[in-house]
Amino acid sequence: QVQLVESGGGLVQAGGSLRLSCAASGRTFSSYTMGWFRQTPGAEREFVAAISRSGALKYYADSVKGRFSISRDNAKNTVYLQMNSLKPEDTAVYYCAAPRNDRIRATMVSEYDYWGQGTQVTVSS
């Protein structure tokens, strides 16, 4: 059974930084794309970033390009989301996700099958 556990959320002032981590278990981590999504109350879950299984390909939502960076350490079965220059509109619950079968350029919620429990990120103005 695939398990994803996020950590690293918290409260930060606008302009600050946070690094989220997602520890994966249950299958060969390095064989799958990984993604980050976020969701605010009453809104649909939205794509933030994704990374290919080797880490060579990375995709970002326009709203976070140049500020967020996704990376992975396959030896540690962990994917990271470095968030810099945070804005109040980045406030959300952030989720780590993985597909059942590897996909290229997976940026939609429907392309992912496994989800973590989420970690809250709050950016104060």
PDB file of N, CA and C in Angstrom:
ATOM      1  N   GLN A   1       0.848  -1.187   0.000  1.00  0.00           N
ATOM      2  CA  GLN A   1       0.000   0.000   0.000  1.00  0.00           C
ATOM      3  C   GLN A   1       0.888   1.243   0.000  1.00  0.00           C
ATOM      4  N   VAL A   2       0.629   2.141  -0.935  1.00  0.00           N
ATOM      5  CA  VAL A   2       1.415   3.363  -1.024  1.00  0.00           C
ATOM      6  C   VAL A   2       0.987   4.324   0.082  1.00  0.00           C
ATOM      7  N   GLN A   3       1.972   4.843   0.779  1.00  0.00           N
ATOM      8  CA  GLN A   3       1.695   5.844   1.812  1.00  0.00           C
ATOM      9  C   GLN A   3       2.530   7.089   1.545  1.00  0.00           C
ATOM     10  N   LEU A   4       1.896   8.231   1.706  1.00  0.00           N
ATOM     11  CA  LEU A   4       2.564   9.513   1.510  1.00  0.00           C
ATOM     12  C   LEU A   4       2.336  10.356   2.763  1.00  0.00           C
ATOM     13  N   VAL A   5       3.400  10.870   3.338  1.00  0.00           N
ATOM     14  CA  VAL A   5       3.291  11.650   4.562  1.00  0.00           C
ATOM     15  C   VAL A   5       4.007  12.986   4.374  1.00  0.00           C
ATOM     16  N   GLU A   6       3.226  14.067   4.399  1.00  0.00           N
ATOM     17  CA  GLU A   6       3.792  15.403   4.239  1.00  0.00           C
ATOM     18  C   GLU A   6       4.205  15.977   5.586  1.00  0.00           C
ATOM     19  N   SER A   7       5.152  16.883   5.534  1.00  0.00           N
ATOM     20  CA  SER A   7       5.576  17.630   6.717  1.00  0.00           C
ATOM     21  C   SER A   7       6.184  18.946   6.268  1.00  0.00           C
ATOM     22  N   GLY A   8       6.344  19.859   7.223  1.00  0.00           N
ATOM     23  CA  GLY A   8       7.027  21.103   6.922  1.00  0.00           C
ATOM     24  C   GLY A   8       6.134  22.324   6.810  1.00  0.00           C
ATOM     25  N   GLY A   9       4.829  22.137   6.901  1.00  0.00           N
ATOM     26  CA  GLY A   9       3.945  23.293   6.832  1.00  0.00           C
ATOM     27  C   GLY A   9       4.041  24.149   8.085  1.00  0.00           C
ATOM     28  N   GLY A  10       3.383  25.299   8.031  1.00  0.00           N
ATOM     29  CA  GLY A  10       3.395  26.180   9.193  1.00  0.00           C
ATOM     30  C   GLY A  10       2.951  27.572   8.842  1.00  0.00           C
ATOM     31  N   LEU A  11       3.212  28.494   9.769  1.00  0.00           N
ATOM     32  CA  LEU A  11       2.851  29.899   9.607  1.00  0.00           C
ATOM     33  C   LEU A  11       4.109  30.693   9.272  1.00  0.00           C
ATOM     34  N   VAL A  12       4.030  31.502   8.234  1.00  0.00           N
ATOM     35  CA  VAL A  12       5.178  32.302   7.813  1.00  0.00           C
ATOM     36  C   VAL A  12       4.679  33.659   7.334  1.00  0.00           C
ATOM     37  N   GLN A  13       5.512  34.661   7.469  1.00  0.00           N
ATOM     38  CA  GLN A  13       5.149  35.992   6.978  1.00  0.00           C
ATOM     39  C   GLN A  13       5.351  36.071   5.472  1.00  0.00           C
ATOM     40  N   ALA A  14       4.616  36.968   4.857  1.00  0.00           N
ATOM     41  CA  ALA A  14       4.776  37.187   3.418  1.00  0.00           C
ATOM     42  C   ALA A  14       6.239  37.510   3.112  1.00  0.00           C
ATOM     43  N   GLY A  15       6.728  36.915   2.038  1.00  0.00           N
ATOM     44  CA  GLY A  15       8.127  37.078   1.663  1.00  0.00           C
ATOM     45  C   GLY A  15       9.036  36.009   2.228  1.00  0.00           C
ATOM     46  N   GLY A  16       8.516  35.226   3.150  1.00  0.00           N
ATOM     47  CA  GLY A  16       9.308  34.179   3.773  1.00  0.00           C
ATOM     48  C   GLY A  16       9.354  32.902   2.959  1.00  0.00           C
ATOM     49  N   SER A  17       9.965  31.892   3.561  1.00  0.00           N
ATOM     50  CA  SER A  17      10.157  30.612   2.867  1.00  0.00           C
ATOM     51  C   SER A  17       9.753  29.444   3.766  1.00  0.00           C
ATOM     52  N   LEU A  18       9.380  28.362   3.121  1.00  0.00           N
ATOM     53  CA  LEU A  18       9.122  27.093   3.785  1.00  0.00           C
ATOM     54  C   LEU A  18       9.555  25.978   2.846  1.00  0.00           C
ATOM     55  N   ARG A  19       9.942  24.849   3.423  1.00  0.00           N
ATOM     56  CA  ARG A  19      10.216  23.672   2.617  1.00  0.00           C
ATOM     57  C   ARG A  19       9.333  22.535   3.088  1.00  0.00           C
ATOM     58  N   LEU A  20       8.514  22.043   2.181  1.00  0.00           N
ATOM     59  CA  LEU A  20       7.671  20.886   2.463  1.00  0.00           C
ATOM     60  C   LEU A  20       8.398  19.608   2.050  1.00  0.00           C
ATOM     61  N   SER A  21       8.146  18.566   2.814  1.00  0.00           N
ATOM     62  CA  SER A  21       8.689  17.249   2.486  1.00  0.00           C
ATOM     63  C   SER A  21       7.550  16.248   2.398  1.00  0.00           C
ATOM     64  N   CYS A  22       7.747  15.241   1.578  1.00  0.00           N
ATOM     65  CA  CYS A  22       6.767  14.159   1.461  1.00  0.00           C
ATOM     66  C   CYS A  22       7.543  12.846   1.422  1.00  0.00           C
ATOM     67  N   ALA A  23       7.354  12.053   2.457  1.00  0.00           N
ATOM     68  CA  ALA A  23       8.010  10.750   2.531  1.00  0.00           C
ATOM     69  C   ALA A  23       7.076   9.685   1.981  1.00  0.00           C
ATOM     70  N   ALA A  24       7.586   8.896   1.048  1.00  0.00           N
ATOM     71  CA  ALA A  24       6.777   7.871   0.395  1.00  0.00           C
ATOM     72  C   ALA A  24       7.234   6.481   0.793  1.00  0.00           C
ATOM     73  N   SER A  25       6.282   5.566   0.838  1.00  0.00           N
ATOM     74  CA  SER A  25       6.601   4.165   1.122  1.00  0.00           C
ATOM     75  C   SER A  25       5.585   3.276   0.426  1.00  0.00           C
ATOM     76  N   GLY A  26       5.926   2.008   0.302  1.00  0.00           N
ATOM     77  CA  GLY A  26       4.977   1.049  -0.239  1.00  0.00           C
ATOM     78  C   GLY A  26       5.273   0.559  -1.636  1.00  0.00           C
ATOM     79  N   ARG A  27       6.204   1.231  -2.355  1.00  0.00           N
ATOM     80  CA  ARG A  27       6.589   0.761  -3.673  1.00  0.00           C
ATOM     81  C   ARG A  27       7.887   1.452  -4.072  1.00  0.00           C
ATOM     82  N   THR A  28       8.381   1.151  -5.265  1.00  0.00           N
ATOM     83  CA  THR A  28       9.645   1.726  -5.718  1.00  0.00           C
ATOM     84  C   THR A  28       9.461   3.196  -6.065  1.00  0.00           C
ATOM     85  N   PHE A  29       9.900   4.049  -5.175  1.00  0.00           N
ATOM     86  CA  PHE A  29       9.666   5.494  -5.288  1.00  0.00           C
ATOM     87  C   PHE A  29      10.212   6.054  -6.588  1.00  0.00           C
ATOM     88  N   SER A  30      11.380   5.613  -6.987  1.00  0.00           N
ATOM     89  CA  SER A  30      12.063   6.195  -8.143  1.00  0.00           C
ATOM     90  C   SER A  30      11.402   5.852  -9.478  1.00  0.00           C
ATOM     91  N   SER A  31      10.378   5.044  -9.486  1.00  0.00           N
ATOM     92  CA  SER A  31       9.719   4.633 -10.727  1.00  0.00           C
ATOM     93  C   SER A  31       8.536   5.508 -11.104  1.00  0.00           C
ATOM     94  N   TYR A  32       8.242   6.548 -10.309  1.00  0.00           N
ATOM     95  CA  TYR A  32       7.008   7.302 -10.522  1.00  0.00           C
ATOM     96  C   TYR A  32       7.206   8.805 -10.416  1.00  0.00           C
ATOM     97  N   THR A  33       6.464   9.494 -11.267  1.00  0.00           N
ATOM     98  CA  THR A  33       6.310  10.932 -11.122  1.00  0.00           C
ATOM     99  C   THR A  33       5.684  11.241  -9.758  1.00  0.00           C
ATOM    100  N   MET A  34       6.028  12.383  -9.214  1.00  0.00           N
ATOM    101  CA  MET A  34       5.417  12.862  -7.973  1.00  0.00           C
ATOM    102  C   MET A  34       4.909  14.279  -8.179  1.00  0.00           C
ATOM    103  N   GLY A  35       3.849  14.616  -7.461  1.00  0.00           N
ATOM    104  CA  GLY A  35       3.282  15.948  -7.618  1.00  0.00           C
ATOM    105  C   GLY A  35       2.912  16.590  -6.294  1.00  0.00           C
ATOM    106  N   TRP A  36       2.789  17.907  -6.345  1.00  0.00           N
ATOM    107  CA  TRP A  36       2.265  18.694  -5.224  1.00  0.00           C
ATOM    108  C   TRP A  36       1.033  19.455  -5.700  1.00  0.00           C
ATOM    109  N   PHE A  37       0.021  19.466  -4.864  1.00  0.00           N
ATOM    110  CA  PHE A  37      -1.206  20.194  -5.123  1.00  0.00           C
ATOM    111  C   PHE A  37      -1.539  21.001  -3.877  1.00  0.00           C
ATOM    112  N   ARG A  38      -2.481  21.929  -4.020  1.00  0.00           N
ATOM    113  CA  ARG A  38      -2.944  22.679  -2.858  1.00  0.00           C
ATOM    114  C   ARG A  38      -4.434  22.945  -2.969  1.00  0.00           C
ATOM    115  N   GLN A  39      -5.017  23.218  -1.821  1.00  0.00           N
ATOM    116  CA  GLN A  39      -6.464  23.429  -1.784  1.00  0.00           C
ATOM    117  C   GLN A  39      -6.824  24.376  -0.662  1.00  0.00           C
ATOM    118  N   THR A  40      -7.730  25.315  -0.974  1.00  0.00           N
ATOM    119  CA  THR A  40      -8.283  26.216   0.026  1.00  0.00           C
ATOM    120  C   THR A  40      -9.755  25.861   0.220  1.00  0.00           C
ATOM    121  N   PRO A  41     -10.330  26.241   1.357  1.00  0.00           N
ATOM    122  CA  PRO A  41     -11.724  25.893   1.637  1.00  0.00           C
ATOM    123  C   PRO A  41     -12.667  26.384   0.537  1.00  0.00           C
ATOM    124  N   GLY A  42     -13.515  25.500   0.066  1.00  0.00           N
ATOM    125  CA  GLY A  42     -14.491  25.869  -0.939  1.00  0.00           C
ATOM    126  C   GLY A  42     -13.974  25.879  -2.359  1.00  0.00           C
ATOM    127  N   ALA A  43     -12.696  25.630  -2.521  1.00  0.00           N
ATOM    128  CA  ALA A  43     -12.098  25.651  -3.866  1.00  0.00           C
ATOM    129  C   ALA A  43     -11.666  24.248  -4.276  1.00  0.00           C
ATOM    130  N   GLU A  44     -11.475  24.071  -5.565  1.00  0.00           N
ATOM    131  CA  GLU A  44     -10.982  22.791  -6.051  1.00  0.00           C
ATOM    132  C   GLU A  44      -9.483  22.675  -5.785  1.00  0.00           C
ATOM    133  N   ARG A  45      -9.051  21.438  -5.672  1.00  0.00           N
ATOM    134  CA  ARG A  45      -7.621  21.203  -5.501  1.00  0.00           C
ATOM    135  C   ARG A  45      -6.915  21.607  -6.797  1.00  0.00           C
ATOM    136  N   GLU A  46      -5.787  22.299  -6.643  1.00  0.00           N
ATOM    137  CA  GLU A  46      -5.096  22.783  -7.831  1.00  0.00           C
ATOM    138  C   GLU A  46      -3.649  22.327  -7.875  1.00  0.00           C
ATOM    139  N   PHE A  47      -3.180  22.162  -9.084  1.00  0.00           N
ATOM    140  CA  PHE A  47      -1.811  21.725  -9.328  1.00  0.00           C
ATOM    141  C   PHE A  47      -0.809  22.800  -8.917  1.00  0.00           C
ATOM    142  N   VAL A  48       0.285  22.372  -8.313  1.00  0.00           N
ATOM    143  CA  VAL A  48       1.366  23.281  -7.948  1.00  0.00           C
ATOM    144  C   VAL A  48       2.645  22.926  -8.718  1.00  0.00           C
ATOM    145  N   ALA A  49       3.072  21.677  -8.606  1.00  0.00           N
ATOM    146  CA  ALA A  49       4.318  21.274  -9.253  1.00  0.00           C
ATOM    147  C   ALA A  49       4.374  19.762  -9.394  1.00  0.00           C
ATOM    148  N   ALA A  50       5.157  19.296 -10.363  1.00  0.00           N
ATOM    149  CA  ALA A  50       5.365  17.868 -10.550  1.00  0.00           C
ATOM    150  C   ALA A  50       6.791  17.626 -10.995  1.00  0.00           C
ATOM    151  N   ILE A  51       7.273  16.428 -10.714  1.00  0.00           N
ATOM    152  CA  ILE A  51       8.650  16.077 -11.055  1.00  0.00           C
ATOM    153  C   ILE A  51       8.684  14.663 -11.586  1.00  0.00           C
ATOM    154  N   SER A  52       9.451  14.453 -12.656  1.00  0.00           N
ATOM    155  CA  SER A  52       9.561  13.121 -13.256  1.00  0.00           C
ATOM    156  C   SER A  52      10.337  12.196 -12.336  1.00  0.00           C
ATOM    157  N   ARG A  53      10.316  10.929 -12.640  1.00  0.00           N
ATOM    158  CA  ARG A  53      10.895   9.931 -11.737  1.00  0.00           C
ATOM    159  C   ARG A  53      12.394  10.126 -11.534  1.00  0.00           C
ATOM    160  N   SER A  54      13.096  10.632 -12.545  1.00  0.00           N
ATOM    161  CA  SER A  54      14.532  10.863 -12.385  1.00  0.00           C
ATOM    162  C   SER A  54      14.834  12.242 -11.809  1.00  0.00           C
ATOM    163  N   GLY A  55      13.846  13.111 -11.860  1.00  0.00           N
ATOM    164  CA  GLY A  55      14.051  14.490 -11.431  1.00  0.00           C
ATOM    165  C   GLY A  55      14.472  15.417 -12.552  1.00  0.00           C
ATOM    166  N   ALA A  56      14.623  14.893 -13.752  1.00  0.00           N
ATOM    167  CA  ALA A  56      15.107  15.710 -14.864  1.00  0.00           C
ATOM    168  C   ALA A  56      14.055  16.671 -15.391  1.00  0.00           C
ATOM    169  N   LEU A  57      12.783  16.287 -15.287  1.00  0.00           N
ATOM    170  CA  LEU A  57      11.701  17.124 -15.801  1.00  0.00           C
ATOM    171  C   LEU A  57      10.874  17.662 -14.643  1.00  0.00           C
ATOM    172  N   LYS A  58      10.600  18.949 -14.688  1.00  0.00           N
ATOM    173  CA  LYS A  58       9.816  19.589 -13.634  1.00  0.00           C
ATOM    174  C   LYS A  58       8.773  20.495 -14.272  1.00  0.00           C
ATOM    175  N   TYR A  59       7.618  20.535 -13.666  1.00  0.00           N
ATOM    176  CA  TYR A  59       6.519  21.326 -14.180  1.00  0.00           C
ATOM    177  C   TYR A  59       5.934  22.155 -13.036  1.00  0.00           C
ATOM    178  N   TYR A  60       5.536  23.376 -13.361  1.00  0.00           N
ATOM    179  CA  TYR A  60       5.018  24.278 -12.343  1.00  0.00           C
ATOM    180  C   TYR A  60       3.759  24.984 -12.826  1.00  0.00           C
ATOM    181  N   ALA A  61       2.891  25.285 -11.876  1.00  0.00           N
ATOM    182  CA  ALA A  61       1.777  26.172 -12.164  1.00  0.00           C
ATOM    183  C   ALA A  61       2.332  27.570 -12.396  1.00  0.00           C
ATOM    184  N   ASP A  62       1.674  28.329 -13.263  1.00  0.00           N
ATOM    185  CA  ASP A  62       2.151  29.685 -13.551  1.00  0.00           C
ATOM    186  C   ASP A  62       2.233  30.536 -12.283  1.00  0.00           C
ATOM    187  N   SER A  63       1.327  30.300 -11.363  1.00  0.00           N
ATOM    188  CA  SER A  63       1.255  31.122 -10.149  1.00  0.00           C
ATOM    189  C   SER A  63       2.457  30.947  -9.226  1.00  0.00           C
ATOM    190  N   VAL A  64       3.227  29.877  -9.415  1.00  0.00           N
ATOM    191  CA  VAL A  64       4.359  29.625  -8.511  1.00  0.00           C
ATOM    192  C   VAL A  64       5.704  29.612  -9.233  1.00  0.00           C
ATOM    193  N   LYS A  65       5.694  29.728 -10.546  1.00  0.00           N
ATOM    194  CA  LYS A  65       6.948  29.707 -11.311  1.00  0.00           C
ATOM    195  C   LYS A  65       7.890  30.804 -10.842  1.00  0.00           C
ATOM    196  N   GLY A  66       9.146  30.432 -10.658  1.00  0.00           N
ATOM    197  CA  GLY A  66      10.146  31.387 -10.205  1.00  0.00           C
ATOM    198  C   GLY A  66      10.204  31.546  -8.697  1.00  0.00           C
ATOM    199  N   ARG A  67       9.207  31.014  -7.996  1.00  0.00           N
ATOM    200  CA  ARG A  67       9.201  31.124  -6.522  1.00  0.00           C
ATOM    201  C   ARG A  67       9.303  29.762  -5.848  1.00  0.00           C
ATOM    202  N   PHE A  68       8.696  28.749  -6.438  1.00  0.00           N
ATOM    203  CA  PHE A  68       8.701  27.405  -5.867  1.00  0.00           C
ATOM    204  C   PHE A  68       9.625  26.506  -6.665  1.00  0.00           C
ATOM    205  N   SER A  69      10.192  25.520  -5.976  1.00  0.00           N
ATOM    206  CA  SER A  69      11.069  24.560  -6.645  1.00  0.00           C
ATOM    207  C   SER A  69      10.787  23.161  -6.111  1.00  0.00           C
ATOM    208  N   ILE A  70      10.532  22.232  -7.021  1.00  0.00           N
ATOM    209  CA  ILE A  70      10.294  20.847  -6.626  1.00  0.00           C
ATOM    210  C   ILE A  70      11.567  20.043  -6.851  1.00  0.00           C
ATOM    211  N   SER A  71      11.840  19.120  -5.958  1.00  0.00           N
ATOM    212  CA  SER A  71      13.005  18.252  -6.093  1.00  0.00           C
ATOM    213  C   SER A  71      12.690  16.912  -5.431  1.00  0.00           C
ATOM    214  N   ARG A  72      13.557  15.948  -5.670  1.00  0.00           N
ATOM    215  CA  ARG A  72      13.342  14.642  -5.060  1.00  0.00           C
ATOM    216  C   ARG A  72      14.685  13.994  -4.738  1.00  0.00           C
ATOM    217  N   ASP A  73      14.668  13.158  -3.721  1.00  0.00           N
ATOM    218  CA  ASP A  73      15.827  12.366  -3.347  1.00  0.00           C
ATOM    219  C   ASP A  73      15.374  10.916  -3.369  1.00  0.00           C
ATOM    220  N   ASN A  74      15.683  10.212  -4.439  1.00  0.00           N
ATOM    221  CA  ASN A  74      15.199   8.843  -4.590  1.00  0.00           C
ATOM    222  C   ASN A  74      15.828   7.891  -3.574  1.00  0.00           C
ATOM    223  N   ALA A  75      16.983   8.228  -3.088  1.00  0.00           N
ATOM    224  CA  ALA A  75      17.612   7.385  -2.067  1.00  0.00           C
ATOM    225  C   ALA A  75      16.865   7.477  -0.736  1.00  0.00           C
ATOM    226  N   LYS A  76      16.190   8.601  -0.521  1.00  0.00           N
ATOM    227  CA  LYS A  76      15.443   8.804   0.720  1.00  0.00           C
ATOM    228  C   LYS A  76      13.938   8.665   0.523  1.00  0.00           C
ATOM    229  N   ASN A  77      13.520   8.326  -0.693  1.00  0.00           N
ATOM    230  CA  ASN A  77      12.082   8.188  -0.991  1.00  0.00           C
ATOM    231  C   ASN A  77      11.301   9.440  -0.594  1.00  0.00           C
ATOM    232  N   THR A  78      11.856  10.576  -0.896  1.00  0.00           N
ATOM    233  CA  THR A  78      11.263  11.834  -0.453  1.00  0.00           C
ATOM    234  C   THR A  78      11.228  12.843  -1.604  1.00  0.00           C
ATOM    235  N   VAL A  79      10.123  13.573  -1.671  1.00  0.00           N
ATOM    236  CA  VAL A  79      10.004  14.683  -2.609  1.00  0.00           C
ATOM    237  C   VAL A  79       9.822  15.962  -1.795  1.00  0.00           C
ATOM    238  N   TYR A  80      10.380  17.045  -2.302  1.00  0.00           N
ATOM    239  CA  TYR A  80      10.387  18.319  -1.583  1.00  0.00           C
ATOM    240  C   TYR A  80       9.715  19.406  -2.406  1.00  0.00           C
ATOM    241  N   LEU A  81       9.209  20.407  -1.701  1.00  0.00           N
ATOM    242  CA  LEU A  81       8.724  21.616  -2.349  1.00  0.00           C
ATOM    243  C   LEU A  81       9.298  22.795  -1.591  1.00  0.00           C
ATOM    244  N   GLN A  82      10.280  23.442  -2.195  1.00  0.00           N
ATOM    245  CA  GLN A  82      10.860  24.648  -1.618  1.00  0.00           C
ATOM    246  C   GLN A  82      10.032  25.837  -2.066  1.00  0.00           C
ATOM    247  N   MET A  83       9.505  26.577  -1.104  1.00  0.00           N
ATOM    248  CA  MET A  83       8.619  27.699  -1.404  1.00  0.00           C
ATOM    249  C   MET A  83       9.271  28.983  -0.900  1.00  0.00           C
ATOM    250  N   ASN A  84       9.601  29.860  -1.826  1.00  0.00           N
ATOM    251  CA  ASN A  84      10.214  31.145  -1.500  1.00  0.00           C
ATOM    252  C   ASN A  84       9.288  32.284  -1.882  1.00  0.00           C
ATOM    253  N   SER A  85       9.581  33.455  -1.359  1.00  0.00           N
ATOM    254  CA  SER A  85       8.780  34.658  -1.661  1.00  0.00           C
ATOM    255  C   SER A  85       7.299  34.374  -1.514  1.00  0.00           C
ATOM    256  N   LEU A  86       6.941  33.785  -0.403  1.00  0.00           N
ATOM    257  CA  LEU A  86       5.558  33.380  -0.190  1.00  0.00           C
ATOM    258  C   LEU A  86       4.629  34.578  -0.105  1.00  0.00           C
ATOM    259  N   LYS A  87       3.420  34.365  -0.614  1.00  0.00           N
ATOM    260  CA  LYS A  87       2.392  35.398  -0.635  1.00  0.00           C
ATOM    261  C   LYS A  87       1.177  34.908   0.153  1.00  0.00           C
ATOM    262  N   PRO A  88       0.358  35.816   0.652  1.00  0.00           N
ATOM    263  CA  PRO A  88      -0.847  35.382   1.366  1.00  0.00           C
ATOM    264  C   PRO A  88      -1.723  34.447   0.524  1.00  0.00           C
ATOM    265  N   GLU A  89      -1.735  34.636  -0.781  1.00  0.00           N
ATOM    266  CA  GLU A  89      -2.559  33.771  -1.640  1.00  0.00           C
ATOM    267  C   GLU A  89      -1.993  32.369  -1.790  1.00  0.00           C
ATOM    268  N   ASP A  90      -0.819  32.114  -1.253  1.00  0.00           N
ATOM    269  CA  ASP A  90      -0.279  30.755  -1.215  1.00  0.00           C
ATOM    270  C   ASP A  90      -0.832  29.955  -0.041  1.00  0.00           C
ATOM    271  N   THR A  91      -1.568  30.624   0.836  1.00  0.00           N
ATOM    272  CA  THR A  91      -2.158  29.938   1.982  1.00  0.00           C
ATOM    273  C   THR A  91      -3.097  28.838   1.508  1.00  0.00           C
ATOM    274  N   ALA A  92      -2.868  27.621   1.986  1.00  0.00           N
ATOM    275  CA  ALA A  92      -3.653  26.463   1.551  1.00  0.00           C
ATOM    276  C   ALA A  92      -3.173  25.229   2.307  1.00  0.00           C
ATOM    277  N   VAL A  93      -3.916  24.152   2.135  1.00  0.00           N
ATOM    278  CA  VAL A  93      -3.419  22.845   2.539  1.00  0.00           C
ATOM    279  C   VAL A  93      -2.695  22.260   1.332  1.00  0.00           C
ATOM    280  N   TYR A  94      -1.467  21.836   1.546  1.00  0.00           N
ATOM    281  CA  TYR A  94      -0.648  21.302   0.469  1.00  0.00           C
ATOM    282  C   TYR A  94      -0.606  19.780   0.564  1.00  0.00           C
ATOM    283  N   TYR A  95      -0.813  19.149  -0.594  1.00  0.00           N
ATOM    284  CA  TYR A  95      -0.871  17.684  -0.673  1.00  0.00           C
ATOM    285  C   TYR A  95       0.207  17.150  -1.604  1.00  0.00           C
ATOM    286  N   CYS A  96       0.800  16.081  -1.190  1.00  0.00           N
ATOM    287  CA  CYS A  96       1.711  15.308  -2.026  1.00  0.00           C
ATOM    288  C   CYS A  96       0.879  14.217  -2.719  1.00  0.00           C
ATOM    289  N   ALA A  97       1.236  13.876  -3.958  1.00  0.00           N
ATOM    290  CA  ALA A  97       0.445  12.887  -4.689  1.00  0.00           C
ATOM    291  C   ALA A  97       1.324  12.052  -5.606  1.00  0.00           C
ATOM    292  N   ALA A  98       0.827  10.839  -5.898  1.00  0.00           N
ATOM    293  CA  ALA A  98       1.545   9.933  -6.793  1.00  0.00           C
ATOM    294  C   ALA A  98       0.528   9.181  -7.654  1.00  0.00           C
ATOM    295  N   PRO A  99       0.878   8.888  -8.893  1.00  0.00           N
ATOM    296  CA  PRO A  99      -0.020   8.139  -9.761  1.00  0.00           C
ATOM    297  C   PRO A  99       0.148   6.641  -9.555  1.00  0.00           C
ATOM    298  N   ARG A 100      -0.872   5.868  -9.900  1.00  0.00           N
ATOM    299  CA  ARG A 100      -0.759   4.408  -9.832  1.00  0.00           C
ATOM    300  C   ARG A 100       0.233   3.916 -10.879  1.00  0.00           C
ATOM    301  N   ASN A 101       0.164   4.502 -12.063  1.00  0.00           N
ATOM    302  CA  ASN A 101       1.099   4.175 -13.129  1.00  0.00           C
ATOM    303  C   ASN A 101       1.860   5.439 -13.505  1.00  0.00           C
ATOM    304  N   ASP A 102       3.122   5.285 -13.851  1.00  0.00           N
ATOM    305  CA  ASP A 102       3.911   6.468 -14.143  1.00  0.00           C
ATOM    306  C   ASP A 102       3.327   7.242 -15.312  1.00  0.00           C
ATOM    307  N   ARG A 103       3.366   8.550 -15.223  1.00  0.00           N
ATOM    308  CA  ARG A 103       2.832   9.419 -16.264  1.00  0.00           C
ATOM    309  C   ARG A 103       3.836  10.521 -16.560  1.00  0.00           C
ATOM    310  N   ILE A 104       3.762  11.001 -17.782  1.00  0.00           N
ATOM    311  CA  ILE A 104       4.603  12.122 -18.168  1.00  0.00           C
ATOM    312  C   ILE A 104       3.769  13.388 -18.055  1.00  0.00           C
ATOM    313  N   ARG A 105       4.358  14.417 -17.491  1.00  0.00           N
ATOM    314  CA  ARG A 105       3.688  15.710 -17.378  1.00  0.00           C
ATOM    315  C   ARG A 105       2.297  15.572 -16.742  1.00  0.00           C
ATOM    316  N   ALA A 106       2.249  14.967 -15.571  1.00  0.00           N
ATOM    317  CA  ALA A 106       0.985  14.795 -14.859  1.00  0.00           C
ATOM    318  C   ALA A 106       0.701  16.049 -14.048  1.00  0.00           C
ATOM    319  N   THR A 107      -0.268  16.834 -14.504  1.00  0.00           N
ATOM    320  CA  THR A 107      -0.585  18.094 -13.843  1.00  0.00           C
ATOM    321  C   THR A 107      -2.042  18.193 -13.407  1.00  0.00           C
ATOM    322  N   MET A 108      -2.802  17.141 -13.590  1.00  0.00           N
ATOM    323  CA  MET A 108      -4.210  17.174 -13.223  1.00  0.00           C
ATOM    324  C   MET A 108      -4.487  16.259 -12.034  1.00  0.00           C
ATOM    325  N   VAL A 109      -5.433  16.671 -11.214  1.00  0.00           N
ATOM    326  CA  VAL A 109      -5.811  15.871 -10.049  1.00  0.00           C
ATOM    327  C   VAL A 109      -6.185  14.452 -10.473  1.00  0.00           C
ATOM    328  N   SER A 110      -6.889  14.324 -11.581  1.00  0.00           N
ATOM    329  CA  SER A 110      -7.387  13.026 -12.032  1.00  0.00           C
ATOM    330  C   SER A 110      -6.271  12.065 -12.429  1.00  0.00           C
ATOM    331  N   GLU A 111      -5.072  12.568 -12.622  1.00  0.00           N
ATOM    332  CA  GLU A 111      -3.952  11.710 -13.007  1.00  0.00           C
ATOM    333  C   GLU A 111      -3.252  11.074 -11.812  1.00  0.00           C
ATOM    334  N   TYR A 112      -3.654  11.443 -10.623  1.00  0.00           N
ATOM    335  CA  TYR A 112      -3.019  10.942  -9.406  1.00  0.00           C
ATOM    336  C   TYR A 112      -3.980  10.061  -8.606  1.00  0.00           C
ATOM    337  N   ASP A 113      -3.418   9.023  -8.025  1.00  0.00           N
ATOM    338  CA  ASP A 113      -4.242   8.042  -7.322  1.00  0.00           C
ATOM    339  C   ASP A 113      -3.984   7.981  -5.826  1.00  0.00           C
ATOM    340  N   TYR A 114      -2.810   8.378  -5.418  1.00  0.00           N
ATOM    341  CA  TYR A 114      -2.448   8.307  -4.004  1.00  0.00           C
ATOM    342  C   TYR A 114      -2.169   9.717  -3.488  1.00  0.00           C
ATOM    343  N   TRP A 115      -2.681   9.985  -2.295  1.00  0.00           N
ATOM    344  CA  TRP A 115      -2.574  11.323  -1.713  1.00  0.00           C
ATOM    345  C   TRP A 115      -2.142  11.237  -0.256  1.00  0.00           C
ATOM    346  N   GLY A 116      -1.374  12.224   0.153  1.00  0.00           N
ATOM    347  CA  GLY A 116      -1.047  12.355   1.557  1.00  0.00           C
ATOM    348  C   GLY A 116      -2.183  13.016   2.315  1.00  0.00           C
ATOM    349  N   GLN A 117      -1.975  13.213   3.599  1.00  0.00           N
ATOM    350  CA  GLN A 117      -3.022  13.780   4.443  1.00  0.00           C
ATOM    351  C   GLN A 117      -3.061  15.306   4.359  1.00  0.00           C
ATOM    352  N   GLY A 118      -2.036  15.892   3.815  1.00  0.00           N
ATOM    353  CA  GLY A 118      -1.975  17.344   3.663  1.00  0.00           C
ATOM    354  C   GLY A 118      -1.260  18.023   4.815  1.00  0.00           C
ATOM    355  N   THR A 119      -0.670  19.162   4.513  1.00  0.00           N
ATOM    356  CA  THR A 119      -0.022  19.986   5.531  1.00  0.00           C
ATOM    357  C   THR A 119      -0.412  21.437   5.297  1.00  0.00           C
ATOM    358  N   GLN A 120      -0.773  22.123   6.367  1.00  0.00           N
ATOM    359  CA  GLN A 120      -1.278  23.495   6.258  1.00  0.00           C
ATOM    360  C   GLN A 120      -0.124  24.482   6.115  1.00  0.00           C
ATOM    361  N   VAL A 121      -0.258  25.361   5.142  1.00  0.00           N
ATOM    362  CA  VAL A 121       0.665  26.485   4.976  1.00  0.00           C
ATOM    363  C   VAL A 121      -0.146  27.763   5.085  1.00  0.00           C
ATOM    364  N   THR A 122       0.253  28.620   6.006  1.00  0.00           N
ATOM    365  CA  THR A 122      -0.439  29.886   6.203  1.00  0.00           C
ATOM    366  C   THR A 122       0.568  31.020   6.064  1.00  0.00           C
ATOM    367  N   VAL A 123       0.271  31.945   5.160  1.00  0.00           N
ATOM    368  CA  VAL A 123       1.152  33.083   4.918  1.00  0.00           C
ATOM    369  C   VAL A 123       0.431  34.341   5.369  1.00  0.00           C
ATOM    370  N   SER A 124       0.995  35.017   6.343  1.00  0.00           N
ATOM    371  CA  SER A 124       0.375  36.230   6.876  1.00  0.00           C
ATOM    372  C   SER A 124       0.919  37.459   6.151  1.00  0.00           C
ATOM    373  N   SER A 125       0.056  38.454   6.026  1.00  0.00           N
ATOM    374  CA  SER A 125       0.457  39.678   5.309  1.00  0.00           C
ATOM    375  C   SER A 125       1.068  40.696   6.244  1.00  0.00           C
TER     376      SER A 125
END
